[in-house]
């Protein structure tokens, strides 16, 4: 995913802002990225959005997961993240067009609108 030269952020940056469900209670398919992390529907190369590597702690060290989601859930999660962000971002309150984080989340929403 490329860099947006005007904003200085990348789509993957916005993806890291999305709140993912806890691993407890997820299916094996959801944890390994074969199914949507939120709704559990099976994914294909065309329907999957790679949410990036997520690092987790455990007693004997760290491990990584590589969650994926469907476009619809990614759009909804970006919308929720944007609402949460704009409520506490002074730049968004003053002029939302100048906020890199807000622009990245909006771009993520648009890219996943289906």
PDB file of N, CA and C in Angstrom:
ATOM      1  N   UNK A   1       0.842  -1.168   0.000  1.00  0.00           N
ATOM      2  CA  UNK A   1       0.000   0.000   0.000  1.00  0.00           C
ATOM      3  C   UNK A   1       0.884   1.225   0.000  1.00  0.00           C
ATOM      4  N   UNK A   2       0.575   2.133  -0.871  1.00  0.00           N
ATOM      5  CA  UNK A   2       1.460   3.263  -1.077  1.00  0.00           C
ATOM      6  C   UNK A   2       1.206   4.415  -0.136  1.00  0.00           C
ATOM      7  N   UNK A   3       2.116   5.369  -0.215  1.00  0.00           N
ATOM      8  CA  UNK A   3       2.018   6.560   0.606  1.00  0.00           C
ATOM      9  C   UNK A   3       1.244   7.620  -0.142  1.00  0.00           C
ATOM     10  N   UNK A   4       0.387   8.338   0.532  1.00  0.00           N
ATOM     11  CA  UNK A   4      -0.312   9.486  -0.011  1.00  0.00           C
ATOM     12  C   UNK A   4       0.580  10.687   0.258  1.00  0.00           C
ATOM     13  N   UNK A   5       1.159  11.242  -0.796  1.00  0.00           N
ATOM     14  CA  UNK A   5       2.141  12.310  -0.628  1.00  0.00           C
ATOM     15  C   UNK A   5       1.547  13.554   0.030  1.00  0.00           C
ATOM     16  N   UNK A   6       0.268  13.828  -0.182  1.00  0.00           N
ATOM     17  CA  UNK A   6      -0.315  15.024   0.403  1.00  0.00           C
ATOM     18  C   UNK A   6      -0.577  14.866   1.888  1.00  0.00           C
ATOM     19  N   UNK A   7      -0.878  13.659   2.323  1.00  0.00           N
ATOM     20  CA  UNK A   7      -1.202  13.446   3.726  1.00  0.00           C
ATOM     21  C   UNK A   7      -0.009  12.939   4.528  1.00  0.00           C
ATOM     22  N   UNK A   8       0.932  12.276   3.852  1.00  0.00           N
ATOM     23  CA  UNK A   8       2.078  11.740   4.558  1.00  0.00           C
ATOM     24  C   UNK A   8       1.754  10.491   5.349  1.00  0.00           C
ATOM     25  N   UNK A   9       0.602   9.885   5.107  1.00  0.00           N
ATOM     26  CA  UNK A   9       0.217   8.664   5.808  1.00  0.00           C
ATOM     27  C   UNK A   9      -0.074   7.584   4.781  1.00  0.00           C
ATOM     28  N   UNK A  10      -0.130   6.353   5.224  1.00  0.00           N
ATOM     29  CA  UNK A  10      -0.454   5.253   4.339  1.00  0.00           C
ATOM     30  C   UNK A  10      -1.725   4.588   4.829  1.00  0.00           C
ATOM     31  N   UNK A  11      -2.349   3.801   3.953  1.00  0.00           N
ATOM     32  CA  UNK A  11      -3.549   3.070   4.337  1.00  0.00           C
ATOM     33  C   UNK A  11      -3.251   2.145   5.504  1.00  0.00           C
ATOM     34  N   UNK A  12      -2.088   1.530   5.489  1.00  0.00           N
ATOM     35  CA  UNK A  12      -1.752   0.606   6.575  1.00  0.00           C
ATOM     36  C   UNK A  12      -1.718   1.343   7.914  1.00  0.00           C
ATOM     37  N   UNK A  13      -1.355   2.608   7.918  1.00  0.00           N
ATOM     38  CA  UNK A  13      -1.404   3.390   9.153  1.00  0.00           C
ATOM     39  C   UNK A  13      -2.832   3.443   9.684  1.00  0.00           C
ATOM     40  N   UNK A  14      -3.796   3.665   8.818  1.00  0.00           N
ATOM     41  CA  UNK A  14      -5.191   3.725   9.245  1.00  0.00           C
ATOM     42  C   UNK A  14      -5.650   2.354   9.725  1.00  0.00           C
ATOM     43  N   UNK A  15      -5.178   1.305   9.094  1.00  0.00           N
ATOM     44  CA  UNK A  15      -5.567  -0.044   9.506  1.00  0.00           C
ATOM     45  C   UNK A  15      -5.136  -0.340  10.933  1.00  0.00           C
ATOM     46  N   UNK A  16      -4.006   0.200  11.350  1.00  0.00           N
ATOM     47  CA  UNK A  16      -3.537  -0.052  12.717  1.00  0.00           C
ATOM     48  C   UNK A  16      -4.401   0.664  13.751  1.00  0.00           C
ATOM     49  N   UNK A  17      -5.211   1.605  13.324  1.00  0.00           N
ATOM     50  CA  UNK A  17      -6.098   2.336  14.242  1.00  0.00           C
ATOM     51  C   UNK A  17      -7.413   1.592  14.503  1.00  0.00           C
ATOM     52  N   UNK A  18      -7.679   0.574  13.715  1.00  0.00           N
ATOM     53  CA  UNK A  18      -8.938  -0.160  13.870  1.00  0.00           C
ATOM     54  C   UNK A  18      -8.880  -1.055  15.096  1.00  0.00           C
ATOM     55  N   UNK A  19      -9.939  -0.992  15.879  1.00  0.00           N
ATOM     56  CA  UNK A  19     -10.024  -1.839  17.074  1.00  0.00           C
ATOM     57  C   UNK A  19     -10.497  -3.226  16.666  1.00  0.00           C
ATOM     58  N   UNK A  20      -9.666  -4.219  16.956  1.00  0.00           N
ATOM     59  CA  UNK A  20      -9.993  -5.600  16.617  1.00  0.00           C
ATOM     60  C   UNK A  20     -10.569  -6.308  17.833  1.00  0.00           C
ATOM     61  N   UNK A  21     -11.381  -7.329  17.595  1.00  0.00           N
ATOM     62  CA  UNK A  21     -11.903  -8.092  18.735  1.00  0.00           C
ATOM     63  C   UNK A  21     -10.777  -8.867  19.418  1.00  0.00           C
ATOM     64  N   UNK A  22     -10.998  -9.192  20.679  1.00  0.00           N
ATOM     65  CA  UNK A  22     -10.027 -10.000  21.423  1.00  0.00           C
ATOM     66  C   UNK A  22      -9.919 -11.371  20.765  1.00  0.00           C
ATOM     67  N   UNK A  23      -8.736 -11.955  20.855  1.00  0.00           N
ATOM     68  CA  UNK A  23      -8.521 -13.269  20.245  1.00  0.00           C
ATOM     69  C   UNK A  23      -9.339 -14.359  20.918  1.00  0.00           C
ATOM     70  N   UNK A  24      -9.608 -14.196  22.204  1.00  0.00           N
ATOM     71  CA  UNK A  24     -10.429 -15.175  22.909  1.00  0.00           C
ATOM     72  C   UNK A  24     -11.805 -15.239  22.258  1.00  0.00           C
ATOM     73  N   UNK A  25     -12.237 -16.422  21.968  1.00  0.00           N
ATOM     74  CA  UNK A  25     -13.559 -16.593  21.388  1.00  0.00           C
ATOM     75  C   UNK A  25     -13.594 -16.579  19.872  1.00  0.00           C
ATOM     76  N   UNK A  26     -12.478 -16.248  19.219  1.00  0.00           N
ATOM     77  CA  UNK A  26     -12.448 -16.278  17.763  1.00  0.00           C
ATOM     78  C   UNK A  26     -12.174 -17.702  17.285  1.00  0.00           C
ATOM     79  N   UNK A  27     -12.633 -17.989  16.094  1.00  0.00           N
ATOM     80  CA  UNK A  27     -12.355 -19.292  15.509  1.00  0.00           C
ATOM     81  C   UNK A  27     -10.926 -19.337  14.993  1.00  0.00           C
ATOM     82  N   UNK A  28     -10.440 -20.523  14.748  1.00  0.00           N
ATOM     83  CA  UNK A  28      -9.108 -20.693  14.169  1.00  0.00           C
ATOM     84  C   UNK A  28      -9.017 -19.974  12.827  1.00  0.00           C
ATOM     85  N   UNK A  29     -10.067 -20.041  12.039  1.00  0.00           N
ATOM     86  CA  UNK A  29     -10.094 -19.394  10.735  1.00  0.00           C
ATOM     87  C   UNK A  29      -9.972 -17.879  10.855  1.00  0.00           C
ATOM     88  N   UNK A  30     -10.623 -17.297  11.867  1.00  0.00           N
ATOM     89  CA  UNK A  30     -10.521 -15.855  12.074  1.00  0.00           C
ATOM     90  C   UNK A  30      -9.119 -15.456  12.509  1.00  0.00           C
ATOM     91  N   UNK A  31      -8.522 -16.216  13.397  1.00  0.00           N
ATOM     92  CA  UNK A  31      -7.183 -15.895  13.900  1.00  0.00           C
ATOM     93  C   UNK A  31      -6.145 -15.989  12.796  1.00  0.00           C
ATOM     94  N   UNK A  32      -6.272 -16.972  11.933  1.00  0.00           N
ATOM     95  CA  UNK A  32      -5.265 -17.141  10.881  1.00  0.00           C
ATOM     96  C   UNK A  32      -5.573 -16.354   9.608  1.00  0.00           C
ATOM     97  N   UNK A  33      -6.684 -15.611   9.575  1.00  0.00           N
ATOM     98  CA  UNK A  33      -6.981 -14.733   8.451  1.00  0.00           C
ATOM     99  C   UNK A  33      -7.769 -15.357   7.323  1.00  0.00           C
ATOM    100  N   UNK A  34      -8.293 -16.548   7.512  1.00  0.00           N
ATOM    101  CA  UNK A  34      -9.101 -17.186   6.476  1.00  0.00           C
ATOM    102  C   UNK A  34     -10.549 -16.705   6.514  1.00  0.00           C
ATOM    103  N   UNK A  35     -10.944 -16.141   7.650  1.00  0.00           N
ATOM    104  CA  UNK A  35     -12.308 -15.636   7.826  1.00  0.00           C
ATOM    105  C   UNK A  35     -12.249 -14.228   8.400  1.00  0.00           C
ATOM    106  N   UNK A  36     -13.288 -13.460   8.153  1.00  0.00           N
ATOM    107  CA  UNK A  36     -13.371 -12.081   8.644  1.00  0.00           C
ATOM    108  C   UNK A  36     -13.230 -12.054  10.160  1.00  0.00           C
ATOM    109  N   UNK A  37     -12.364 -11.203  10.652  1.00  0.00           N
ATOM    110  CA  UNK A  37     -12.079 -11.099  12.088  1.00  0.00           C
ATOM    111  C   UNK A  37     -13.325 -10.671  12.872  1.00  0.00           C
ATOM    112  N   UNK A  38     -14.250  -9.961  12.226  1.00  0.00           N
ATOM    113  CA  UNK A  38     -15.443  -9.485  12.933  1.00  0.00           C
ATOM    114  C   UNK A  38     -16.642 -10.408  12.751  1.00  0.00           C
ATOM    115  N   UNK A  39     -16.990 -10.749  11.536  1.00  0.00           N
ATOM    116  CA  UNK A  39     -18.223 -11.516  11.302  1.00  0.00           C
ATOM    117  C   UNK A  39     -17.993 -12.992  11.033  1.00  0.00           C
ATOM    118  N   UNK A  40     -16.770 -13.385  10.754  1.00  0.00           N
ATOM    119  CA  UNK A  40     -16.463 -14.793  10.588  1.00  0.00           C
ATOM    120  C   UNK A  40     -16.731 -15.394   9.227  1.00  0.00           C
ATOM    121  N   UNK A  41     -17.154 -14.590   8.253  1.00  0.00           N
ATOM    122  CA  UNK A  41     -17.397 -15.155   6.932  1.00  0.00           C
ATOM    123  C   UNK A  41     -16.068 -15.506   6.265  1.00  0.00           C
ATOM    124  N   UNK A  42     -16.055 -16.611   5.523  1.00  0.00           N
ATOM    125  CA  UNK A  42     -14.841 -17.035   4.839  1.00  0.00           C
ATOM    126  C   UNK A  42     -14.463 -16.014   3.772  1.00  0.00           C
ATOM    127  N   UNK A  43     -13.162 -15.807   3.609  1.00  0.00           N
ATOM    128  CA  UNK A  43     -12.655 -14.791   2.699  1.00  0.00           C
ATOM    129  C   UNK A  43     -11.942 -15.425   1.512  1.00  0.00           C
ATOM    130  N   UNK A  44     -11.931 -14.694   0.414  1.00  0.00           N
ATOM    131  CA  UNK A  44     -11.152 -15.064  -0.766  1.00  0.00           C
ATOM    132  C   UNK A  44     -10.143 -13.955  -1.012  1.00  0.00           C
ATOM    133  N   UNK A  45      -9.283 -14.143  -1.994  1.00  0.00           N
ATOM    134  CA  UNK A  45      -8.311 -13.093  -2.329  1.00  0.00           C
ATOM    135  C   UNK A  45      -9.025 -11.801  -2.738  1.00  0.00           C
ATOM    136  N   UNK A  46     -10.191 -11.915  -3.364  1.00  0.00           N
ATOM    137  CA  UNK A  46     -10.942 -10.733  -3.800  1.00  0.00           C
ATOM    138  C   UNK A  46     -11.707 -10.048  -2.679  1.00  0.00           C
ATOM    139  N   UNK A  47     -12.123 -10.813  -1.671  1.00  0.00           N
ATOM    140  CA  UNK A  47     -12.971 -10.234  -0.631  1.00  0.00           C
ATOM    141  C   UNK A  47     -12.214  -9.856   0.635  1.00  0.00           C
ATOM    142  N   UNK A  48     -10.943 -10.221   0.720  1.00  0.00           N
ATOM    143  CA  UNK A  48     -10.180 -10.010   1.955  1.00  0.00           C
ATOM    144  C   UNK A  48      -9.456  -8.665   1.975  1.00  0.00           C
ATOM    145  N   UNK A  49      -9.439  -8.068   3.158  1.00  0.00           N
ATOM    146  CA  UNK A  49      -8.637  -6.876   3.429  1.00  0.00           C
ATOM    147  C   UNK A  49      -7.612  -7.289   4.466  1.00  0.00           C
ATOM    148  N   UNK A  50      -6.341  -7.161   4.120  1.00  0.00           N
ATOM    149  CA  UNK A  50      -5.256  -7.498   5.043  1.00  0.00           C
ATOM    150  C   UNK A  50      -5.143  -6.385   6.074  1.00  0.00           C
ATOM    151  N   UNK A  51      -5.329  -6.711   7.332  1.00  0.00           N
ATOM    152  CA  UNK A  51      -5.293  -5.710   8.399  1.00  0.00           C
ATOM    153  C   UNK A  51      -3.901  -5.522   8.993  1.00  0.00           C
ATOM    154  N   UNK A  52      -2.926  -6.204   8.448  1.00  0.00           N
ATOM    155  CA  UNK A  52      -1.549  -6.032   8.898  1.00  0.00           C
ATOM    156  C   UNK A  52      -1.193  -6.932  10.068  1.00  0.00           C
ATOM    157  N   UNK A  53       0.086  -7.060  10.285  1.00  0.00           N
ATOM    158  CA  UNK A  53       0.577  -7.893  11.390  1.00  0.00           C
ATOM    159  C   UNK A  53       0.199  -7.260  12.725  1.00  0.00           C
ATOM    160  N   UNK A  54      -0.249  -8.100  13.637  1.00  0.00           N
ATOM    161  CA  UNK A  54      -0.561  -7.664  15.004  1.00  0.00           C
ATOM    162  C   UNK A  54       0.293  -8.488  15.949  1.00  0.00           C
ATOM    163  N   UNK A  55       1.016  -7.822  16.831  1.00  0.00           N
ATOM    164  CA  UNK A  55       1.899  -8.491  17.785  1.00  0.00           C
ATOM    165  C   UNK A  55       1.175  -8.648  19.117  1.00  0.00           C
ATOM    166  N   UNK A  56       1.348  -9.810  19.739  1.00  0.00           N
ATOM    167  CA  UNK A  56       0.695 -10.122  21.005  1.00  0.00           C
ATOM    168  C   UNK A  56       1.731 -10.644  21.988  1.00  0.00           C
ATOM    169  N   UNK A  57       1.508 -10.348  23.262  1.00  0.00           N
ATOM    170  CA  UNK A  57       2.387 -10.855  24.320  1.00  0.00           C
ATOM    171  C   UNK A  57       1.799 -12.128  24.898  1.00  0.00           C
ATOM    172  N   UNK A  58       2.688 -12.987  25.341  1.00  0.00           N
ATOM    173  CA  UNK A  58       2.295 -14.139  26.139  1.00  0.00           C
ATOM    174  C   UNK A  58       3.443 -14.416  27.101  1.00  0.00           C
ATOM    175  N   UNK A  59       3.233 -15.327  28.013  1.00  0.00           N
ATOM    176  CA  UNK A  59       4.215 -15.558  29.071  1.00  0.00           C
ATOM    177  C   UNK A  59       5.612 -15.867  28.541  1.00  0.00           C
ATOM    178  N   UNK A  60       5.700 -16.655  27.498  1.00  0.00           N
ATOM    179  CA  UNK A  60       7.018 -17.052  27.007  1.00  0.00           C
ATOM    180  C   UNK A  60       7.528 -16.205  25.840  1.00  0.00           C
ATOM    181  N   UNK A  61       6.950 -15.043  25.627  1.00  0.00           N
ATOM    182  CA  UNK A  61       7.436 -14.158  24.573  1.00  0.00           C
ATOM    183  C   UNK A  61       6.318 -13.474  23.814  1.00  0.00           C
ATOM    184  N   UNK A  62       6.513 -13.342  22.540  1.00  0.00           N
ATOM    185  CA  UNK A  62       5.552 -12.671  21.667  1.00  0.00           C
ATOM    186  C   UNK A  62       5.190 -13.574  20.499  1.00  0.00           C
ATOM    187  N   UNK A  63       4.051 -13.297  19.902  1.00  0.00           N
ATOM    188  CA  UNK A  63       3.659 -13.985  18.681  1.00  0.00           C
ATOM    189  C   UNK A  63       2.879 -13.012  17.817  1.00  0.00           C
ATOM    190  N   UNK A  64       2.752 -13.330  16.559  1.00  0.00           N
ATOM    191  CA  UNK A  64       2.068 -12.461  15.610  1.00  0.00           C
ATOM    192  C   UNK A  64       0.840 -13.153  15.039  1.00  0.00           C
ATOM    193  N   UNK A  65      -0.158 -12.349  14.729  1.00  0.00           N
ATOM    194  CA  UNK A  65      -1.299 -12.816  13.958  1.00  0.00           C
ATOM    195  C   UNK A  65      -1.418 -11.893  12.751  1.00  0.00           C
ATOM    196  N   UNK A  66      -2.081 -12.358  11.729  1.00  0.00           N
ATOM    197  CA  UNK A  66      -2.247 -11.599  10.499  1.00  0.00           C
ATOM    198  C   UNK A  66      -3.728 -11.574  10.133  1.00  0.00           C
ATOM    199  N   UNK A  67      -4.517 -10.803  10.882  1.00  0.00           N
ATOM    200  CA  UNK A  67      -5.968 -10.815  10.677  1.00  0.00           C
ATOM    201  C   UNK A  67      -6.360 -10.198   9.338  1.00  0.00           C
ATOM    202  N   UNK A  68      -7.489 -10.673   8.855  1.00  0.00           N
ATOM    203  CA  UNK A  68      -8.082 -10.114   7.645  1.00  0.00           C
ATOM    204  C   UNK A  68      -9.571  -9.924   7.898  1.00  0.00           C
ATOM    205  N   UNK A  69     -10.174  -9.103   7.067  1.00  0.00           N
ATOM    206  CA  UNK A  69     -11.597  -8.810   7.220  1.00  0.00           C
ATOM    207  C   UNK A  69     -12.221  -8.644   5.848  1.00  0.00           C
ATOM    208  N   UNK A  70     -13.540  -8.630   5.827  1.00  0.00           N
ATOM    209  CA  UNK A  70     -14.245  -8.336   4.582  1.00  0.00           C
ATOM    210  C   UNK A  70     -14.277  -6.802   4.415  1.00  0.00           C
ATOM    211  N   UNK A  71     -14.573  -6.362   3.206  1.00  0.00           N
ATOM    212  CA  UNK A  71     -14.608  -4.924   2.928  1.00  0.00           C
ATOM    213  C   UNK A  71     -15.669  -4.214   3.770  1.00  0.00           C
ATOM    214  N   UNK A  72     -16.835  -4.825   3.891  1.00  0.00           N
ATOM    215  CA  UNK A  72     -17.929  -4.200   4.648  1.00  0.00           C
ATOM    216  C   UNK A  72     -17.525  -3.948   6.101  1.00  0.00           C
ATOM    217  N   UNK A  73     -16.949  -4.952   6.755  1.00  0.00           N
ATOM    218  CA  UNK A  73     -16.545  -4.789   8.155  1.00  0.00           C
ATOM    219  C   UNK A  73     -15.396  -3.805   8.305  1.00  0.00           C
ATOM    220  N   UNK A  74     -14.481  -3.783   7.332  1.00  0.00           N
ATOM    221  CA  UNK A  74     -13.371  -2.825   7.376  1.00  0.00           C
ATOM    222  C   UNK A  74     -13.913  -1.401   7.269  1.00  0.00           C
ATOM    223  N   UNK A  75     -14.870  -1.200   6.374  1.00  0.00           N
ATOM    224  CA  UNK A  75     -15.516   0.110   6.226  1.00  0.00           C
ATOM    225  C   UNK A  75     -16.183   0.535   7.543  1.00  0.00           C
ATOM    226  N   UNK A  76     -16.933  -0.387   8.153  1.00  0.00           N
ATOM    227  CA  UNK A  76     -17.629  -0.085   9.407  1.00  0.00           C
ATOM    228  C   UNK A  76     -16.651   0.201  10.541  1.00  0.00           C
ATOM    229  N   UNK A  77     -15.566  -0.559  10.613  1.00  0.00           N
ATOM    230  CA  UNK A  77     -14.565  -0.343  11.668  1.00  0.00           C
ATOM    231  C   UNK A  77     -13.845   0.988  11.469  1.00  0.00           C
ATOM    232  N   UNK A  78     -13.580   1.350  10.224  1.00  0.00           N
ATOM    233  CA  UNK A  78     -12.944   2.646   9.946  1.00  0.00           C
ATOM    234  C   UNK A  78     -13.885   3.786  10.328  1.00  0.00           C
ATOM    235  N   UNK A  79     -15.165   3.612  10.059  1.00  0.00           N
ATOM    236  CA  UNK A  79     -16.153   4.623  10.445  1.00  0.00           C
ATOM    237  C   UNK A  79     -16.176   4.805  11.965  1.00  0.00           C
ATOM    238  N   UNK A  80     -16.201   3.709  12.704  1.00  0.00           N
ATOM    239  CA  UNK A  80     -16.195   3.788  14.172  1.00  0.00           C
ATOM    240  C   UNK A  80     -14.916   4.453  14.675  1.00  0.00           C
ATOM    241  N   UNK A  81     -13.784   4.105  14.064  1.00  0.00           N
ATOM    242  CA  UNK A  81     -12.513   4.713  14.472  1.00  0.00           C
ATOM    243  C   UNK A  81     -12.518   6.209  14.171  1.00  0.00           C
ATOM    244  N   UNK A  82     -13.091   6.594  13.038  1.00  0.00           N
ATOM    245  CA  UNK A  82     -13.155   8.010  12.670  1.00  0.00           C
ATOM    246  C   UNK A  82     -14.030   8.785  13.649  1.00  0.00           C
ATOM    247  N   UNK A  83     -15.170   8.234  14.010  1.00  0.00           N
ATOM    248  CA  UNK A  83     -16.061   8.890  14.972  1.00  0.00           C
ATOM    249  C   UNK A  83     -15.336   9.072  16.311  1.00  0.00           C
ATOM    250  N   UNK A  84     -14.675   8.028  16.782  1.00  0.00           N
ATOM    251  CA  UNK A  84     -13.933   8.118  18.031  1.00  0.00           C
ATOM    252  C   UNK A  84     -12.789   9.114  17.950  1.00  0.00           C
ATOM    253  N   UNK A  85     -12.114   9.141  16.815  1.00  0.00           N
ATOM    254  CA  UNK A  85     -10.985  10.056  16.645  1.00  0.00           C
ATOM    255  C   UNK A  85     -11.449  11.514  16.613  1.00  0.00           C
ATOM    256  N   UNK A  86     -12.453  11.803  15.806  1.00  0.00           N
ATOM    257  CA  UNK A  86     -12.866  13.199  15.637  1.00  0.00           C
ATOM    258  C   UNK A  86     -13.445  13.797  16.917  1.00  0.00           C
ATOM    259  N   UNK A  87     -13.974  12.957  17.782  1.00  0.00           N
ATOM    260  CA  UNK A  87     -14.535  13.463  19.039  1.00  0.00           C
ATOM    261  C   UNK A  87     -13.460  14.014  19.969  1.00  0.00           C
ATOM    262  N   UNK A  88     -12.234  13.546  19.799  1.00  0.00           N
ATOM    263  CA  UNK A  88     -11.175  13.991  20.710  1.00  0.00           C
ATOM    264  C   UNK A  88     -10.011  14.692  20.006  1.00  0.00           C
ATOM    265  N   UNK A  89     -10.122  14.936  18.716  1.00  0.00           N
ATOM    266  CA  UNK A  89      -9.032  15.555  17.966  1.00  0.00           C
ATOM    267  C   UNK A  89      -9.297  17.044  17.762  1.00  0.00           C
ATOM    268  N   UNK A  90      -8.447  17.857  18.346  1.00  0.00           N
ATOM    269  CA  UNK A  90      -8.610  19.306  18.233  1.00  0.00           C
ATOM    270  C   UNK A  90      -8.488  19.763  16.782  1.00  0.00           C
ATOM    271  N   UNK A  91      -7.586  19.141  16.029  1.00  0.00           N
ATOM    272  CA  UNK A  91      -7.420  19.518  14.624  1.00  0.00           C
ATOM    273  C   UNK A  91      -8.679  19.219  13.828  1.00  0.00           C
ATOM    274  N   UNK A  92      -9.322  18.085  14.098  1.00  0.00           N
ATOM    275  CA  UNK A  92     -10.556  17.743  13.397  1.00  0.00           C
ATOM    276  C   UNK A  92     -11.674  18.727  13.734  1.00  0.00           C
ATOM    277  N   UNK A  93     -11.703  19.178  14.964  1.00  0.00           N
ATOM    278  CA  UNK A  93     -12.719  20.150  15.370  1.00  0.00           C
ATOM    279  C   UNK A  93     -12.497  21.480  14.660  1.00  0.00           C
ATOM    280  N   UNK A  94     -11.226  21.903  14.548  1.00  0.00           N
ATOM    281  CA  UNK A  94     -10.897  23.167  13.885  1.00  0.00           C
ATOM    282  C   UNK A  94     -11.034  23.076  12.367  1.00  0.00           C
ATOM    283  N   UNK A  95     -10.392  22.078  11.758  1.00  0.00           N
ATOM    284  CA  UNK A  95     -10.408  21.909  10.303  1.00  0.00           C
ATOM    285  C   UNK A  95     -10.035  20.460   9.984  1.00  0.00           C
ATOM    286  N   UNK A  96     -11.035  19.632   9.781  1.00  0.00           N
ATOM    287  CA  UNK A  96     -10.793  18.202   9.598  1.00  0.00           C
ATOM    288  C   UNK A  96      -9.969  17.891   8.350  1.00  0.00           C
ATOM    289  N   UNK A  97      -9.949  18.787   7.389  1.00  0.00           N
ATOM    290  CA  UNK A  97      -9.173  18.533   6.174  1.00  0.00           C
ATOM    291  C   UNK A  97      -7.669  18.591   6.430  1.00  0.00           C
ATOM    292  N   UNK A  98      -7.261  19.075   7.590  1.00  0.00           N
ATOM    293  CA  UNK A  98      -5.846  19.195   7.920  1.00  0.00           C
ATOM    294  C   UNK A  98      -5.335  18.078   8.825  1.00  0.00           C
ATOM    295  N   UNK A  99      -6.189  17.132   9.169  1.00  0.00           N
ATOM    296  CA  UNK A  99      -5.808  16.052  10.083  1.00  0.00           C
ATOM    297  C   UNK A  99      -5.413  14.805   9.283  1.00  0.00           C
ATOM    298  N   UNK A 100      -4.153  14.403   9.385  1.00  0.00           N
ATOM    299  CA  UNK A 100      -3.665  13.229   8.662  1.00  0.00           C
ATOM    300  C   UNK A 100      -4.414  11.967   9.065  1.00  0.00           C
ATOM    301  N   UNK A 101      -4.661  11.797  10.347  1.00  0.00           N
ATOM    302  CA  UNK A 101      -5.345  10.594  10.822  1.00  0.00           C
ATOM    303  C   UNK A 101      -6.774  10.540  10.297  1.00  0.00           C
ATOM    304  N   UNK A 102      -7.483  11.641  10.390  1.00  0.00           N
ATOM    305  CA  UNK A 102      -8.854  11.694   9.884  1.00  0.00           C
ATOM    306  C   UNK A 102      -8.920  11.426   8.390  1.00  0.00           C
ATOM    307  N   UNK A 103      -7.992  12.013   7.634  1.00  0.00           N
ATOM    308  CA  UNK A 103      -7.963  11.782   6.184  1.00  0.00           C
ATOM    309  C   UNK A 103      -7.659  10.325   5.866  1.00  0.00           C
ATOM    310  N   UNK A 104      -6.733   9.717   6.621  1.00  0.00           N
ATOM    311  CA  UNK A 104      -6.386   8.308   6.383  1.00  0.00           C
ATOM    312  C   UNK A 104      -7.589   7.404   6.665  1.00  0.00           C
ATOM    313  N   UNK A 105      -8.323   7.684   7.741  1.00  0.00           N
ATOM    314  CA  UNK A 105      -9.506   6.873   8.055  1.00  0.00           C
ATOM    315  C   UNK A 105     -10.607   7.066   7.012  1.00  0.00           C
ATOM    316  N   UNK A 106     -10.796   8.287   6.550  1.00  0.00           N
ATOM    317  CA  UNK A 106     -11.775   8.531   5.483  1.00  0.00           C
ATOM    318  C   UNK A 106     -11.395   7.788   4.211  1.00  0.00           C
ATOM    319  N   UNK A 107     -10.124   7.820   3.858  1.00  0.00           N
ATOM    320  CA  UNK A 107      -9.639   7.124   2.675  1.00  0.00           C
ATOM    321  C   UNK A 107      -9.881   5.609   2.814  1.00  0.00           C
ATOM    322  N   UNK A 108      -9.621   5.074   3.994  1.00  0.00           N
ATOM    323  CA  UNK A 108      -9.856   3.656   4.248  1.00  0.00           C
ATOM    324  C   UNK A 108     -11.340   3.312   4.103  1.00  0.00           C
ATOM    325  N   UNK A 109     -12.197   4.187   4.579  1.00  0.00           N
ATOM    326  CA  UNK A 109     -13.638   3.971   4.420  1.00  0.00           C
ATOM    327  C   UNK A 109     -14.015   3.938   2.943  1.00  0.00           C
ATOM    328  N   UNK A 110     -13.516   4.908   2.171  1.00  0.00           N
ATOM    329  CA  UNK A 110     -13.845   4.970   0.754  1.00  0.00           C
ATOM    330  C   UNK A 110     -13.329   3.749  -0.011  1.00  0.00           C
ATOM    331  N   UNK A 111     -12.125   3.312   0.314  1.00  0.00           N
ATOM    332  CA  UNK A 111     -11.536   2.164  -0.378  1.00  0.00           C
ATOM    333  C   UNK A 111     -12.312   0.881  -0.132  1.00  0.00           C
ATOM    334  N   UNK A 112     -13.050   0.821   0.971  1.00  0.00           N
ATOM    335  CA  UNK A 112     -13.748  -0.403   1.337  1.00  0.00           C
ATOM    336  C   UNK A 112     -15.257  -0.281   1.291  1.00  0.00           C
ATOM    337  N   UNK A 113     -15.751   0.738   0.658  1.00  0.00           N
ATOM    338  CA  UNK A 113     -17.197   0.906   0.492  1.00  0.00           C
ATOM    339  C   UNK A 113     -17.664  -0.058  -0.587  1.00  0.00           C
ATOM    340  N   UNK A 114     -18.554  -0.950  -0.245  1.00  0.00           N
ATOM    341  CA  UNK A 114     -19.055  -1.943  -1.220  1.00  0.00           C
ATOM    342  C   UNK A 114     -20.539  -2.093  -1.073  1.00  0.00           C
TER     343      UNK A 114
END
